[in-house]
């Protein structure tokens, strides 16, 4: 089993997958759609990836304001999570995604990736940051919490 991390945006979904030991997250793709409300193909692609990677749970970035309050984007993300959970039958956990896109952009800048090319990868890397944060937090939990 693996864990999938998702960075849900208005026209893209960055996707990351954990290794089988839940230690590291790897970015695997960015799912793109033409219209924000058109989710059928996006959900179908996520289902394909779930089967391919034998995913048992999903971590979804929750966009919060800097004061930790939720706005319209968070509401859309929660609605997406509900659709995802109903369609896949898997648990969906939320992870605060504040500044993950900024961190992803900064990491690519430090790696020498040109600004024009960063746009092509930022959502996938943000998904990696979301999932890696969850994996790190999960590893620090006492054993009895992770078994329940």
C-alpha atoms as a PDB file:
ATOM      1  CA  UNK A   1       0.000   0.000   0.000  1.00  0.00           C
ATOM      2  CA  UNK A   2       1.016   3.596  -0.652  1.00  0.00           C
ATOM      3  CA  UNK A   3      -0.316   7.043   0.168  1.00  0.00           C
ATOM      4  CA  UNK A   4      -1.233   9.565  -2.520  1.00  0.00           C
ATOM      5  CA  UNK A   5      -0.744  13.297  -2.062  1.00  0.00           C
ATOM      6  CA  UNK A   6      -2.747  15.799  -4.084  1.00  0.00           C
ATOM      7  CA  UNK A   7      -2.418  19.538  -4.665  1.00  0.00           C
ATOM      8  CA  UNK A   8      -5.869  20.504  -5.980  1.00  0.00           C
ATOM      9  CA  UNK A   9      -5.974  23.702  -8.025  1.00  0.00           C
ATOM     10  CA  UNK A  10      -8.459  25.464 -10.243  1.00  0.00           C
ATOM     11  CA  UNK A  11      -7.153  23.808 -13.426  1.00  0.00           C
ATOM     12  CA  UNK A  12      -4.542  21.323 -12.253  1.00  0.00           C
ATOM     13  CA  UNK A  13      -3.997  18.601  -9.688  1.00  0.00           C
ATOM     14  CA  UNK A  14      -0.429  17.842  -8.680  1.00  0.00           C
ATOM     15  CA  UNK A  15       0.023  14.175  -7.761  1.00  0.00           C
ATOM     16  CA  UNK A  16       2.631  12.557  -5.499  1.00  0.00           C
ATOM     17  CA  UNK A  17       2.973   8.974  -4.249  1.00  0.00           C
ATOM     18  CA  UNK A  18       4.726   7.615  -1.179  1.00  0.00           C
ATOM     19  CA  UNK A  19       7.157   4.742  -1.265  1.00  0.00           C
ATOM     20  CA  UNK A  20       5.783   1.471   0.226  1.00  0.00           C
ATOM     21  CA  UNK A  21       7.503   2.178   3.572  1.00  0.00           C
ATOM     22  CA  UNK A  22       5.894   5.662   3.873  1.00  0.00           C
ATOM     23  CA  UNK A  23       9.265   7.411   4.123  1.00  0.00           C
ATOM     24  CA  UNK A  24       9.492   9.507   0.974  1.00  0.00           C
ATOM     25  CA  UNK A  25       7.138  11.202  -1.467  1.00  0.00           C
ATOM     26  CA  UNK A  26       7.750  11.317  -5.215  1.00  0.00           C
ATOM     27  CA  UNK A  27       5.942  13.565  -7.672  1.00  0.00           C
ATOM     28  CA  UNK A  28       4.447  11.581 -10.511  1.00  0.00           C
ATOM     29  CA  UNK A  29       2.323  13.909 -12.633  1.00  0.00           C
ATOM     30  CA  UNK A  30       0.118  16.947 -13.034  1.00  0.00           C
ATOM     31  CA  UNK A  31      -3.439  16.310 -14.142  1.00  0.00           C
ATOM     32  CA  UNK A  32      -4.708  19.237 -16.239  1.00  0.00           C
ATOM     33  CA  UNK A  33      -8.257  20.170 -17.135  1.00  0.00           C
ATOM     34  CA  UNK A  34      -9.698  22.856 -19.365  1.00  0.00           C
ATOM     35  CA  UNK A  35     -12.458  24.013 -17.020  1.00  0.00           C
ATOM     36  CA  UNK A  36     -12.455  24.271 -13.249  1.00  0.00           C
ATOM     37  CA  UNK A  37     -15.772  22.452 -12.736  1.00  0.00           C
ATOM     38  CA  UNK A  38     -15.021  19.585 -15.120  1.00  0.00           C
ATOM     39  CA  UNK A  39     -13.778  16.905 -12.730  1.00  0.00           C
ATOM     40  CA  UNK A  40     -14.924  13.637 -14.334  1.00  0.00           C
ATOM     41  CA  UNK A  41     -11.670  12.986 -16.222  1.00  0.00           C
ATOM     42  CA  UNK A  42      -9.588  14.231 -13.305  1.00  0.00           C
ATOM     43  CA  UNK A  43     -11.293  11.802 -10.924  1.00  0.00           C
ATOM     44  CA  UNK A  44     -10.983   8.985 -13.470  1.00  0.00           C
ATOM     45  CA  UNK A  45      -7.232   9.607 -13.821  1.00  0.00           C
ATOM     46  CA  UNK A  46      -6.795   9.667 -10.044  1.00  0.00           C
ATOM     47  CA  UNK A  47      -8.632   6.323  -9.862  1.00  0.00           C
ATOM     48  CA  UNK A  48      -6.254   4.862 -12.473  1.00  0.00           C
ATOM     49  CA  UNK A  49      -3.253   6.031 -10.439  1.00  0.00           C
ATOM     50  CA  UNK A  50      -4.783   4.603  -7.254  1.00  0.00           C
ATOM     51  CA  UNK A  51      -5.023   1.203  -8.894  1.00  0.00           C
ATOM     52  CA  UNK A  52      -1.577   1.403 -10.503  1.00  0.00           C
ATOM     53  CA  UNK A  53       0.199   2.363  -7.273  1.00  0.00           C
ATOM     54  CA  UNK A  54      -2.036   0.393  -4.880  1.00  0.00           C
ATOM     55  CA  UNK A  55      -3.004   3.481  -2.888  1.00  0.00           C
ATOM     56  CA  UNK A  56      -4.767   2.980   0.435  1.00  0.00           C
ATOM     57  CA  UNK A  57      -5.304   6.582   1.521  1.00  0.00           C
ATOM     58  CA  UNK A  58      -5.142  10.105   0.149  1.00  0.00           C
ATOM     59  CA  UNK A  59      -3.720  13.338   1.552  1.00  0.00           C
ATOM     60  CA  UNK A  60      -5.200  16.477   0.057  1.00  0.00           C
ATOM     61  CA  UNK A  61      -3.719  19.927   0.522  1.00  0.00           C
ATOM     62  CA  UNK A  62      -6.184  22.332   2.145  1.00  0.00           C
ATOM     63  CA  UNK A  63      -5.642  25.962   1.116  1.00  0.00           C
ATOM     64  CA  UNK A  64      -5.950  28.136   4.200  1.00  0.00           C
ATOM     65  CA  UNK A  65      -5.437  31.844   4.636  1.00  0.00           C
ATOM     66  CA  UNK A  66      -2.398  32.888   6.637  1.00  0.00           C
ATOM     67  CA  UNK A  67      -4.621  33.305   9.729  1.00  0.00           C
ATOM     68  CA  UNK A  68      -5.700  29.629   9.290  1.00  0.00           C
ATOM     69  CA  UNK A  69      -9.247  30.544   8.239  1.00  0.00           C
ATOM     70  CA  UNK A  70     -10.921  28.962   5.229  1.00  0.00           C
ATOM     71  CA  UNK A  71     -12.174  30.723   2.137  1.00  0.00           C
ATOM     72  CA  UNK A  72     -13.817  29.775  -1.143  1.00  0.00           C
ATOM     73  CA  UNK A  73     -10.864  27.727  -2.385  1.00  0.00           C
ATOM     74  CA  UNK A  74     -10.941  25.616   0.786  1.00  0.00           C
ATOM     75  CA  UNK A  75     -14.659  24.998   0.292  1.00  0.00           C
ATOM     76  CA  UNK A  76     -14.046  23.796  -3.277  1.00  0.00           C
ATOM     77  CA  UNK A  77     -11.253  21.555  -2.001  1.00  0.00           C
ATOM     78  CA  UNK A  78     -13.553  20.032   0.626  1.00  0.00           C
ATOM     79  CA  UNK A  79     -16.190  19.382  -2.062  1.00  0.00           C
ATOM     80  CA  UNK A  80     -13.528  17.735  -4.230  1.00  0.00           C
ATOM     81  CA  UNK A  81     -12.456  15.590  -1.251  1.00  0.00           C
ATOM     82  CA  UNK A  82     -16.049  14.450  -0.767  1.00  0.00           C
ATOM     83  CA  UNK A  83     -16.346  13.432  -4.441  1.00  0.00           C
ATOM     84  CA  UNK A  84     -12.976  11.710  -4.282  1.00  0.00           C
ATOM     85  CA  UNK A  85     -13.856   9.776  -1.135  1.00  0.00           C
ATOM     86  CA  UNK A  86     -17.241   8.672  -2.462  1.00  0.00           C
ATOM     87  CA  UNK A  87     -15.807   7.617  -5.804  1.00  0.00           C
ATOM     88  CA  UNK A  88     -12.743   5.759  -4.510  1.00  0.00           C
ATOM     89  CA  UNK A  89     -13.922   4.565  -1.094  1.00  0.00           C
ATOM     90  CA  UNK A  90     -10.582   5.685   0.364  1.00  0.00           C
ATOM     91  CA  UNK A  91     -10.055   7.935   3.372  1.00  0.00           C
ATOM     92  CA  UNK A  92      -9.049  11.487   2.462  1.00  0.00           C
ATOM     93  CA  UNK A  93      -6.969  13.432   5.002  1.00  0.00           C
ATOM     94  CA  UNK A  94      -6.443  17.167   4.817  1.00  0.00           C
ATOM     95  CA  UNK A  95      -3.035  18.780   5.213  1.00  0.00           C
ATOM     96  CA  UNK A  96      -2.453  22.512   5.572  1.00  0.00           C
ATOM     97  CA  UNK A  97      -0.886  23.563   2.307  1.00  0.00           C
ATOM     98  CA  UNK A  98      -0.020  27.152   3.176  1.00  0.00           C
ATOM     99  CA  UNK A  99       3.197  28.162   1.460  1.00  0.00           C
ATOM    100  CA  UNK A 100       3.773  24.790  -0.254  1.00  0.00           C
ATOM    101  CA  UNK A 101       3.620  26.400  -3.702  1.00  0.00           C
ATOM    102  CA  UNK A 102       6.013  29.121  -2.527  1.00  0.00           C
ATOM    103  CA  UNK A 103       8.372  26.477  -1.105  1.00  0.00           C
ATOM    104  CA  UNK A 104       8.151  24.441  -4.309  1.00  0.00           C
ATOM    105  CA  UNK A 105       8.923  27.486  -6.443  1.00  0.00           C
ATOM    106  CA  UNK A 106      11.850  28.431  -4.188  1.00  0.00           C
ATOM    107  CA  UNK A 107      13.271  24.894  -4.307  1.00  0.00           C
ATOM    108  CA  UNK A 108      13.183  24.916  -8.099  1.00  0.00           C
ATOM    109  CA  UNK A 109      14.758  28.375  -8.209  1.00  0.00           C
ATOM    110  CA  UNK A 110      17.576  27.170  -5.946  1.00  0.00           C
ATOM    111  CA  UNK A 111      18.020  24.148  -8.223  1.00  0.00           C
ATOM    112  CA  UNK A 112      18.569  26.521 -11.142  1.00  0.00           C
ATOM    113  CA  UNK A 113      15.318  25.799 -12.981  1.00  0.00           C
ATOM    114  CA  UNK A 114      14.287  28.737 -15.140  1.00  0.00           C
ATOM    115  CA  UNK A 115      11.117  30.617 -14.202  1.00  0.00           C
ATOM    116  CA  UNK A 116       9.334  29.618 -17.443  1.00  0.00           C
ATOM    117  CA  UNK A 117       9.974  25.930 -16.740  1.00  0.00           C
ATOM    118  CA  UNK A 118       8.954  26.117 -13.061  1.00  0.00           C
ATOM    119  CA  UNK A 119       5.290  26.616 -13.962  1.00  0.00           C
ATOM    120  CA  UNK A 120       5.306  23.171 -15.564  1.00  0.00           C
ATOM    121  CA  UNK A 121       6.392  21.470 -12.344  1.00  0.00           C
ATOM    122  CA  UNK A 122       5.216  23.561  -9.386  1.00  0.00           C
ATOM    123  CA  UNK A 123       1.935  21.691  -8.738  1.00  0.00           C
ATOM    124  CA  UNK A 124       3.619  18.289  -8.731  1.00  0.00           C
ATOM    125  CA  UNK A 125       6.326  19.513  -6.357  1.00  0.00           C
ATOM    126  CA  UNK A 126       3.700  21.148  -4.106  1.00  0.00           C
ATOM    127  CA  UNK A 127       1.973  17.735  -3.912  1.00  0.00           C
ATOM    128  CA  UNK A 128       5.306  16.229  -2.865  1.00  0.00           C
ATOM    129  CA  UNK A 129       5.655  18.824  -0.083  1.00  0.00           C
ATOM    130  CA  UNK A 130       2.077  18.147   1.107  1.00  0.00           C
ATOM    131  CA  UNK A 131       2.598  14.386   1.161  1.00  0.00           C
ATOM    132  CA  UNK A 132       6.099  14.521   2.642  1.00  0.00           C
ATOM    133  CA  UNK A 133       4.835  16.705   5.487  1.00  0.00           C
ATOM    134  CA  UNK A 134       2.102  14.172   6.184  1.00  0.00           C
ATOM    135  CA  UNK A 135       4.553  11.258   6.062  1.00  0.00           C
ATOM    136  CA  UNK A 136       6.959  13.009   8.434  1.00  0.00           C
ATOM    137  CA  UNK A 137       4.136  13.798  10.860  1.00  0.00           C
ATOM    138  CA  UNK A 138       2.836  10.236  10.615  1.00  0.00           C
ATOM    139  CA  UNK A 139       6.292   8.836  11.427  1.00  0.00           C
ATOM    140  CA  UNK A 140       6.451  10.927  14.604  1.00  0.00           C
ATOM    141  CA  UNK A 141       3.085   9.676  15.939  1.00  0.00           C
ATOM    142  CA  UNK A 142       3.121   7.035  18.649  1.00  0.00           C
ATOM    143  CA  UNK A 143       2.651   3.519  17.263  1.00  0.00           C
ATOM    144  CA  UNK A 144      -0.802   3.025  18.762  1.00  0.00           C
ATOM    145  CA  UNK A 145      -2.157   6.132  16.960  1.00  0.00           C
ATOM    146  CA  UNK A 146      -0.985   4.908  13.545  1.00  0.00           C
ATOM    147  CA  UNK A 147      -2.586   1.487  14.067  1.00  0.00           C
ATOM    148  CA  UNK A 148      -6.088   2.907  14.679  1.00  0.00           C
END
